[in-house]
């Protein structure tokens, strides 16, 4: 008979089935089962990896002493905008990512990151206005590109660019002198004074024109 023995590393990481005495030439099957929070890694004999499968079968030709190595497994969730950096590695897409470490006792530690990446949003729009344009309580009076930053429902940046064209209203005036009456755009004036008419420019803005009118009356003898 030959003795097939095995131990667990770390000691509380799992259980092993199949250890015991075997007759020469028989087949031994060792099964390693991980406890919660652990993951099977490999079978070690004399410092060498002999299998990476939880179930390890072999022909018995001598005494054998093996070690079933397990890794400590942990996981965590993270949510980030655009990118997430974990131990100097930057991730830009949602997914599951694994990193391996070594504990202070020299055991493997496998950490899984469940990552959600929410992207920032960049938008732009055009606007045309007369004299001024009000966007989110900010008044703009000159043409140009203007940027405002907001926050998405996920807490990420939303950057919006306004491409603004301002067309100004036109204010003009002129003088006129006439005898008895003066007709301006089908309006007839018979008295001196200032008269205002409003028009629309080619851009749809106001054009305000003031007439300074002097009426000289004809004299009848």
C-alpha atoms as a PDB file:
ATOM      1  CA  UNK A   1       0.000   0.000   0.000  1.00  0.00           C
ATOM      2  CA  UNK A   2       1.013   3.577  -0.626  1.00  0.00           C
ATOM      3  CA  UNK A   3      -0.138   6.655   1.274  1.00  0.00           C
ATOM      4  CA  UNK A   4      -1.615   9.531  -0.704  1.00  0.00           C
ATOM      5  CA  UNK A   5      -1.830  12.601   1.514  1.00  0.00           C
ATOM      6  CA  UNK A   6      -2.743  16.197   0.774  1.00  0.00           C
ATOM      7  CA  UNK A   7      -3.110  19.458   2.657  1.00  0.00           C
ATOM      8  CA  UNK A   8      -4.988  22.673   1.980  1.00  0.00           C
ATOM      9  CA  UNK A   9      -3.321  26.066   1.582  1.00  0.00           C
ATOM     10  CA  UNK A  10      -4.574  28.300   3.161  1.00  0.00           C
ATOM     11  CA  UNK A  11      -5.752  25.867   5.788  1.00  0.00           C
ATOM     12  CA  UNK A  12      -9.402  27.010   5.787  1.00  0.00           C
ATOM     13  CA  UNK A  13      -9.687  27.470   2.010  1.00  0.00           C
ATOM     14  CA  UNK A  14     -11.404  24.199   1.140  1.00  0.00           C
ATOM     15  CA  UNK A  15     -11.647  20.443   1.518  1.00  0.00           C
ATOM     16  CA  UNK A  16      -9.947  17.512  -0.176  1.00  0.00           C
ATOM     17  CA  UNK A  17     -11.507  14.165  -1.030  1.00  0.00           C
ATOM     18  CA  UNK A  18      -9.638  11.030  -2.025  1.00  0.00           C
ATOM     19  CA  UNK A  19      -6.676  10.939   0.355  1.00  0.00           C
ATOM     20  CA  UNK A  20      -5.796   7.560   1.949  1.00  0.00           C
ATOM     21  CA  UNK A  21      -4.091   4.238   1.225  1.00  0.00           C
ATOM     22  CA  UNK A  22      -4.008   2.827  -2.305  1.00  0.00           C
ATOM     23  CA  UNK A  23      -2.663  -0.400  -3.722  1.00  0.00           C
ATOM     24  CA  UNK A  24       0.193  -0.184  -6.176  1.00  0.00           C
ATOM     25  CA  UNK A  25      -0.997   0.373  -9.751  1.00  0.00           C
ATOM     26  CA  UNK A  26      -4.435   1.569  -8.743  1.00  0.00           C
ATOM     27  CA  UNK A  27      -5.808   4.946  -9.710  1.00  0.00           C
ATOM     28  CA  UNK A  28      -6.155   7.694  -7.124  1.00  0.00           C
ATOM     29  CA  UNK A  29      -8.452  10.653  -7.633  1.00  0.00           C
ATOM     30  CA  UNK A  30      -8.140  13.732  -5.482  1.00  0.00           C
ATOM     31  CA  UNK A  31     -10.908  16.322  -5.541  1.00  0.00           C
ATOM     32  CA  UNK A  32     -10.394  19.845  -4.169  1.00  0.00           C
ATOM     33  CA  UNK A  33     -13.473  21.880  -3.339  1.00  0.00           C
ATOM     34  CA  UNK A  34     -13.161  25.560  -2.455  1.00  0.00           C
ATOM     35  CA  UNK A  35     -14.968  27.109   0.468  1.00  0.00           C
ATOM     36  CA  UNK A  36     -16.856  30.353  -0.007  1.00  0.00           C
ATOM     37  CA  UNK A  37     -14.476  33.235  -0.651  1.00  0.00           C
ATOM     38  CA  UNK A  38     -11.780  31.025  -2.163  1.00  0.00           C
ATOM     39  CA  UNK A  39     -10.860  29.735  -5.625  1.00  0.00           C
ATOM     40  CA  UNK A  40      -8.888  26.604  -6.439  1.00  0.00           C
ATOM     41  CA  UNK A  41      -5.533  27.303  -8.108  1.00  0.00           C
ATOM     42  CA  UNK A  42      -3.422  24.137  -8.471  1.00  0.00           C
ATOM     43  CA  UNK A  43      -1.955  20.974  -7.021  1.00  0.00           C
ATOM     44  CA  UNK A  44       1.650  21.258  -5.848  1.00  0.00           C
ATOM     45  CA  UNK A  45       4.134  18.435  -5.172  1.00  0.00           C
ATOM     46  CA  UNK A  46       7.698  19.093  -4.059  1.00  0.00           C
ATOM     47  CA  UNK A  47       7.328  22.711  -5.109  1.00  0.00           C
ATOM     48  CA  UNK A  48       6.127  21.881  -8.626  1.00  0.00           C
ATOM     49  CA  UNK A  49       2.674  22.308 -10.143  1.00  0.00           C
ATOM     50  CA  UNK A  50       1.334  18.918 -11.154  1.00  0.00           C
ATOM     51  CA  UNK A  51      -2.217  19.913 -12.070  1.00  0.00           C
ATOM     52  CA  UNK A  52      -4.457  22.955 -12.318  1.00  0.00           C
ATOM     53  CA  UNK A  53      -7.692  20.952 -12.255  1.00  0.00           C
ATOM     54  CA  UNK A  54      -9.744  20.518  -9.116  1.00  0.00           C
ATOM     55  CA  UNK A  55      -9.961  16.820  -9.910  1.00  0.00           C
ATOM     56  CA  UNK A  56      -6.540  15.191 -10.179  1.00  0.00           C
ATOM     57  CA  UNK A  57      -6.231  11.515 -11.114  1.00  0.00           C
ATOM     58  CA  UNK A  58      -3.017   9.509 -11.333  1.00  0.00           C
ATOM     59  CA  UNK A  59      -1.628   5.970 -11.076  1.00  0.00           C
ATOM     60  CA  UNK A  60      -0.330   5.108  -7.627  1.00  0.00           C
ATOM     61  CA  UNK A  61       3.287   3.938  -7.752  1.00  0.00           C
ATOM     62  CA  UNK A  62       4.631   5.492  -4.549  1.00  0.00           C
ATOM     63  CA  UNK A  63       3.730   7.544  -1.525  1.00  0.00           C
ATOM     64  CA  UNK A  64       2.766  11.079  -2.511  1.00  0.00           C
ATOM     65  CA  UNK A  65       2.223  14.268  -0.561  1.00  0.00           C
ATOM     66  CA  UNK A  66       0.443  17.092  -2.345  1.00  0.00           C
ATOM     67  CA  UNK A  67      -0.788  20.566  -1.516  1.00  0.00           C
ATOM     68  CA  UNK A  68      -4.040  21.995  -2.851  1.00  0.00           C
ATOM     69  CA  UNK A  69      -3.491  25.719  -3.312  1.00  0.00           C
ATOM     70  CA  UNK A  70      -6.423  28.110  -3.138  1.00  0.00           C
ATOM     71  CA  UNK A  71      -6.628  31.840  -3.683  1.00  0.00           C
ATOM     72  CA  UNK A  72      -8.639  34.262  -1.597  1.00  0.00           C
ATOM     73  CA  UNK A  73     -11.333  35.849  -3.776  1.00  0.00           C
ATOM     74  CA  UNK A  74     -12.971  39.191  -3.207  1.00  0.00           C
ATOM     75  CA  UNK A  75     -14.986  41.481  -5.423  1.00  0.00           C
ATOM     76  CA  UNK A  76     -16.255  45.034  -5.409  1.00  0.00           C
ATOM     77  CA  UNK A  77     -18.342  47.377  -7.522  1.00  0.00           C
ATOM     78  CA  UNK A  78     -17.290  50.743  -8.855  1.00  0.00           C
ATOM     79  CA  UNK A  79     -19.012  53.424 -10.914  1.00  0.00           C
ATOM     80  CA  UNK A  80     -17.004  56.149 -12.644  1.00  0.00           C
ATOM     81  CA  UNK A  81     -17.240  58.823 -15.313  1.00  0.00           C
ATOM     82  CA  UNK A  82     -15.223  58.139 -18.487  1.00  0.00           C
ATOM     83  CA  UNK A  83     -12.453  56.131 -16.818  1.00  0.00           C
ATOM     84  CA  UNK A  84     -11.465  54.322 -13.628  1.00  0.00           C
ATOM     85  CA  UNK A  85      -7.921  53.756 -12.410  1.00  0.00           C
ATOM     86  CA  UNK A  86      -7.183  50.779 -10.188  1.00  0.00           C
ATOM     87  CA  UNK A  87      -3.615  50.071  -9.136  1.00  0.00           C
ATOM     88  CA  UNK A  88      -2.178  52.134 -11.992  1.00  0.00           C
ATOM     89  CA  UNK A  89      -4.361  50.400 -14.594  1.00  0.00           C
ATOM     90  CA  UNK A  90      -6.933  52.618 -16.317  1.00  0.00           C
ATOM     91  CA  UNK A  91     -10.205  51.174 -17.567  1.00  0.00           C
ATOM     92  CA  UNK A  92     -12.493  53.076 -19.972  1.00  0.00           C
ATOM     93  CA  UNK A  93     -15.257  50.526 -20.550  1.00  0.00           C
ATOM     94  CA  UNK A  94     -17.781  48.822 -18.303  1.00  0.00           C
ATOM     95  CA  UNK A  95     -17.019  45.194 -17.482  1.00  0.00           C
ATOM     96  CA  UNK A  96     -15.451  42.788 -15.021  1.00  0.00           C
ATOM     97  CA  UNK A  97     -11.723  43.068 -14.408  1.00  0.00           C
ATOM     98  CA  UNK A  98      -9.475  40.804 -12.353  1.00  0.00           C
ATOM     99  CA  UNK A  99      -6.201  41.583 -10.599  1.00  0.00           C
ATOM    100  CA  UNK A 100      -4.094  39.160  -8.600  1.00  0.00           C
ATOM    101  CA  UNK A 101      -2.150  40.015  -5.471  1.00  0.00           C
ATOM    102  CA  UNK A 102      -0.243  38.282  -2.706  1.00  0.00           C
ATOM    103  CA  UNK A 103      -1.398  38.475   0.881  1.00  0.00           C
ATOM    104  CA  UNK A 104       0.943  39.262   3.774  1.00  0.00           C
ATOM    105  CA  UNK A 105       1.065  35.496   4.375  1.00  0.00           C
ATOM    106  CA  UNK A 106       2.220  34.782   0.823  1.00  0.00           C
ATOM    107  CA  UNK A 107      -1.109  33.460  -0.435  1.00  0.00           C
ATOM    108  CA  UNK A 108      -2.774  34.380  -3.693  1.00  0.00           C
ATOM    109  CA  UNK A 109      -5.529  36.975  -3.589  1.00  0.00           C
ATOM    110  CA  UNK A 110      -7.787  37.390  -6.613  1.00  0.00           C
ATOM    111  CA  UNK A 111      -9.871  40.566  -6.709  1.00  0.00           C
ATOM    112  CA  UNK A 112     -12.660  41.102  -9.237  1.00  0.00           C
ATOM    113  CA  UNK A 113     -13.846  44.590 -10.085  1.00  0.00           C
ATOM    114  CA  UNK A 114     -17.392  44.982 -11.423  1.00  0.00           C
ATOM    115  CA  UNK A 115     -17.064  48.308 -13.208  1.00  0.00           C
ATOM    116  CA  UNK A 116     -19.696  50.606 -14.672  1.00  0.00           C
ATOM    117  CA  UNK A 117     -18.417  53.463 -16.830  1.00  0.00           C
ATOM    118  CA  UNK A 118     -20.808  56.333 -17.520  1.00  0.00           C
ATOM    119  CA  UNK A 119     -19.564  58.587 -20.288  1.00  0.00           C
ATOM    120  CA  UNK A 120     -19.559  62.345 -20.241  1.00  0.00           C
ATOM    121  CA  UNK A 121     -21.771  63.964 -22.857  1.00  0.00           C
ATOM    122  CA  UNK A 122     -20.737  66.619 -25.374  1.00  0.00           C
ATOM    123  CA  UNK A 123     -23.447  68.430 -27.347  1.00  0.00           C
ATOM    124  CA  UNK A 124     -23.712  71.564 -29.437  1.00  0.00           C
ATOM    125  CA  UNK A 125     -26.453  73.619 -31.049  1.00  0.00           C
ATOM    126  CA  UNK A 126     -26.965  76.747 -33.148  1.00  0.00           C
ATOM    127  CA  UNK A 127     -29.100  79.734 -32.276  1.00  0.00           C
ATOM    128  CA  UNK A 128     -29.910  83.036 -33.985  1.00  0.00           C
ATOM    129  CA  UNK A 129     -31.412  85.939 -32.036  1.00  0.00           C
ATOM    130  CA  UNK A 130     -32.086  89.648 -32.245  1.00  0.00           C
ATOM    131  CA  UNK A 131     -30.001  91.808 -29.875  1.00  0.00           C
ATOM    132  CA  UNK A 132     -29.645  89.177 -27.144  1.00  0.00           C
ATOM    133  CA  UNK A 133     -30.085  85.499 -26.395  1.00  0.00           C
ATOM    134  CA  UNK A 134     -30.832  84.101 -22.938  1.00  0.00           C
ATOM    135  CA  UNK A 135     -29.636  80.574 -22.154  1.00  0.00           C
ATOM    136  CA  UNK A 136     -30.129  79.247 -18.629  1.00  0.00           C
ATOM    137  CA  UNK A 137     -30.459  82.742 -17.186  1.00  0.00           C
ATOM    138  CA  UNK A 138     -27.311  84.001 -18.917  1.00  0.00           C
ATOM    139  CA  UNK A 139     -27.808  86.790 -21.473  1.00  0.00           C
ATOM    140  CA  UNK A 140     -25.486  86.948 -24.492  1.00  0.00           C
ATOM    141  CA  UNK A 141     -25.390  90.062 -26.690  1.00  0.00           C
ATOM    142  CA  UNK A 142     -22.607  89.171 -29.135  1.00  0.00           C
ATOM    143  CA  UNK A 143     -22.161  86.438 -31.696  1.00  0.00           C
ATOM    144  CA  UNK A 144     -19.748  83.670 -30.713  1.00  0.00           C
ATOM    145  CA  UNK A 145     -19.349  80.209 -29.237  1.00  0.00           C
ATOM    146  CA  UNK A 146     -20.395  79.794 -25.616  1.00  0.00           C
ATOM    147  CA  UNK A 147     -20.001  76.767 -23.354  1.00  0.00           C
ATOM    148  CA  UNK A 148     -22.002  75.697 -20.341  1.00  0.00           C
ATOM    149  CA  UNK A 149     -21.374  72.633 -18.207  1.00  0.00           C
ATOM    150  CA  UNK A 150     -24.058  70.496 -16.630  1.00  0.00           C
ATOM    151  CA  UNK A 151     -24.277  67.175 -14.816  1.00  0.00           C
ATOM    152  CA  UNK A 152     -25.885  64.047 -16.239  1.00  0.00           C
ATOM    153  CA  UNK A 153     -28.225  61.828 -14.230  1.00  0.00           C
ATOM    154  CA  UNK A 154     -25.172  59.668 -13.516  1.00  0.00           C
ATOM    155  CA  UNK A 155     -23.175  62.577 -12.126  1.00  0.00           C
ATOM    156  CA  UNK A 156     -20.888  62.947 -15.147  1.00  0.00           C
ATOM    157  CA  UNK A 157     -20.063  66.088 -17.083  1.00  0.00           C
ATOM    158  CA  UNK A 158     -22.369  67.276 -19.822  1.00  0.00           C
ATOM    159  CA  UNK A 159     -20.657  69.965 -21.885  1.00  0.00           C
ATOM    160  CA  UNK A 160     -22.889  71.950 -24.262  1.00  0.00           C
ATOM    161  CA  UNK A 161     -21.584  74.461 -26.798  1.00  0.00           C
ATOM    162  CA  UNK A 162     -23.828  77.188 -28.197  1.00  0.00           C
ATOM    163  CA  UNK A 163     -22.934  78.593 -31.625  1.00  0.00           C
ATOM    164  CA  UNK A 164     -24.690  81.967 -31.427  1.00  0.00           C
ATOM    165  CA  UNK A 165     -25.418  84.559 -34.090  1.00  0.00           C
ATOM    166  CA  UNK A 166     -26.709  87.909 -32.853  1.00  0.00           C
ATOM    167  CA  UNK A 167     -28.411  90.181 -35.377  1.00  0.00           C
ATOM    168  CA  UNK A 168     -28.857  93.686 -34.034  1.00  0.00           C
ATOM    169  CA  UNK A 169     -31.978  95.761 -34.319  1.00  0.00           C
ATOM    170  CA  UNK A 170     -31.586  98.961 -36.331  1.00  0.00           C
ATOM    171  CA  UNK A 171     -32.451 102.438 -35.052  1.00  0.00           C
ATOM    172  CA  UNK A 172     -32.333 105.302 -37.508  1.00  0.00           C
ATOM    173  CA  UNK A 173     -33.810 108.780 -38.006  1.00  0.00           C
ATOM    174  CA  UNK A 174     -34.200 111.384 -40.658  1.00  0.00           C
ATOM    175  CA  UNK A 175     -35.508 114.931 -41.133  1.00  0.00           C
ATOM    176  CA  UNK A 176     -38.151 116.054 -43.536  1.00  0.00           C
ATOM    177  CA  UNK A 177     -39.686 119.447 -44.389  1.00  0.00           C
ATOM    178  CA  UNK A 178     -42.942 119.652 -46.302  1.00  0.00           C
ATOM    179  CA  UNK A 179     -45.698 122.024 -47.193  1.00  0.00           C
ATOM    180  CA  UNK A 180     -49.066 121.263 -45.619  1.00  0.00           C
ATOM    181  CA  UNK A 181     -48.591 117.482 -45.417  1.00  0.00           C
ATOM    182  CA  UNK A 182     -46.063 114.687 -45.681  1.00  0.00           C
ATOM    183  CA  UNK A 183     -46.740 111.088 -46.695  1.00  0.00           C
ATOM    184  CA  UNK A 184     -44.433 108.333 -45.426  1.00  0.00           C
ATOM    185  CA  UNK A 185     -45.238 104.717 -46.167  1.00  0.00           C
ATOM    186  CA  UNK A 186     -48.882 105.569 -46.884  1.00  0.00           C
ATOM    187  CA  UNK A 187     -49.188 107.503 -43.631  1.00  0.00           C
ATOM    188  CA  UNK A 188     -50.012 111.198 -44.085  1.00  0.00           C
ATOM    189  CA  UNK A 189     -48.847 113.714 -41.493  1.00  0.00           C
ATOM    190  CA  UNK A 190     -50.136 117.324 -41.433  1.00  0.00           C
ATOM    191  CA  UNK A 191     -48.388 118.594 -38.342  1.00  0.00           C
ATOM    192  CA  UNK A 192     -44.784 119.052 -37.385  1.00  0.00           C
ATOM    193  CA  UNK A 193     -43.414 116.537 -34.914  1.00  0.00           C
ATOM    194  CA  UNK A 194     -41.502 113.310 -34.399  1.00  0.00           C
ATOM    195  CA  UNK A 195     -43.082 110.188 -35.840  1.00  0.00           C
ATOM    196  CA  UNK A 196     -41.924 106.588 -35.449  1.00  0.00           C
ATOM    197  CA  UNK A 197     -42.464 103.610 -37.688  1.00  0.00           C
ATOM    198  CA  UNK A 198     -41.260 100.068 -37.080  1.00  0.00           C
ATOM    199  CA  UNK A 199     -40.045  97.675 -39.756  1.00  0.00           C
ATOM    200  CA  UNK A 200     -38.339  94.285 -39.917  1.00  0.00           C
ATOM    201  CA  UNK A 201     -34.779  93.752 -41.133  1.00  0.00           C
ATOM    202  CA  UNK A 202     -33.805  90.949 -43.503  1.00  0.00           C
ATOM    203  CA  UNK A 203     -32.784  88.983 -40.395  1.00  0.00           C
ATOM    204  CA  UNK A 204     -36.203  89.388 -38.800  1.00  0.00           C
ATOM    205  CA  UNK A 205     -35.109  91.984 -36.232  1.00  0.00           C
ATOM    206  CA  UNK A 206     -36.716  95.341 -35.450  1.00  0.00           C
ATOM    207  CA  UNK A 207     -35.868  98.395 -37.486  1.00  0.00           C
ATOM    208  CA  UNK A 208     -37.102 101.534 -35.750  1.00  0.00           C
ATOM    209  CA  UNK A 209     -37.094 104.723 -37.830  1.00  0.00           C
ATOM    210  CA  UNK A 210     -37.895 108.184 -36.419  1.00  0.00           C
ATOM    211  CA  UNK A 211     -39.042 110.993 -38.670  1.00  0.00           C
ATOM    212  CA  UNK A 212     -38.365 114.550 -37.499  1.00  0.00           C
ATOM    213  CA  UNK A 213     -40.976 116.391 -39.531  1.00  0.00           C
ATOM    214  CA  UNK A 214     -41.467 120.100 -40.121  1.00  0.00           C
ATOM    215  CA  UNK A 215     -44.722 121.098 -41.816  1.00  0.00           C
ATOM    216  CA  UNK A 216     -44.924 124.586 -43.320  1.00  0.00           C
ATOM    217  CA  UNK A 217     -48.474 125.577 -44.069  1.00  0.00           C
ATOM    218  CA  UNK A 218     -49.402 127.283 -47.298  1.00  0.00           C
ATOM    219  CA  UNK A 219     -50.760 130.831 -46.967  1.00  0.00           C
ATOM    220  CA  UNK A 220     -54.032 131.866 -48.593  1.00  0.00           C
ATOM    221  CA  UNK A 221     -54.804 135.621 -48.950  1.00  0.00           C
END
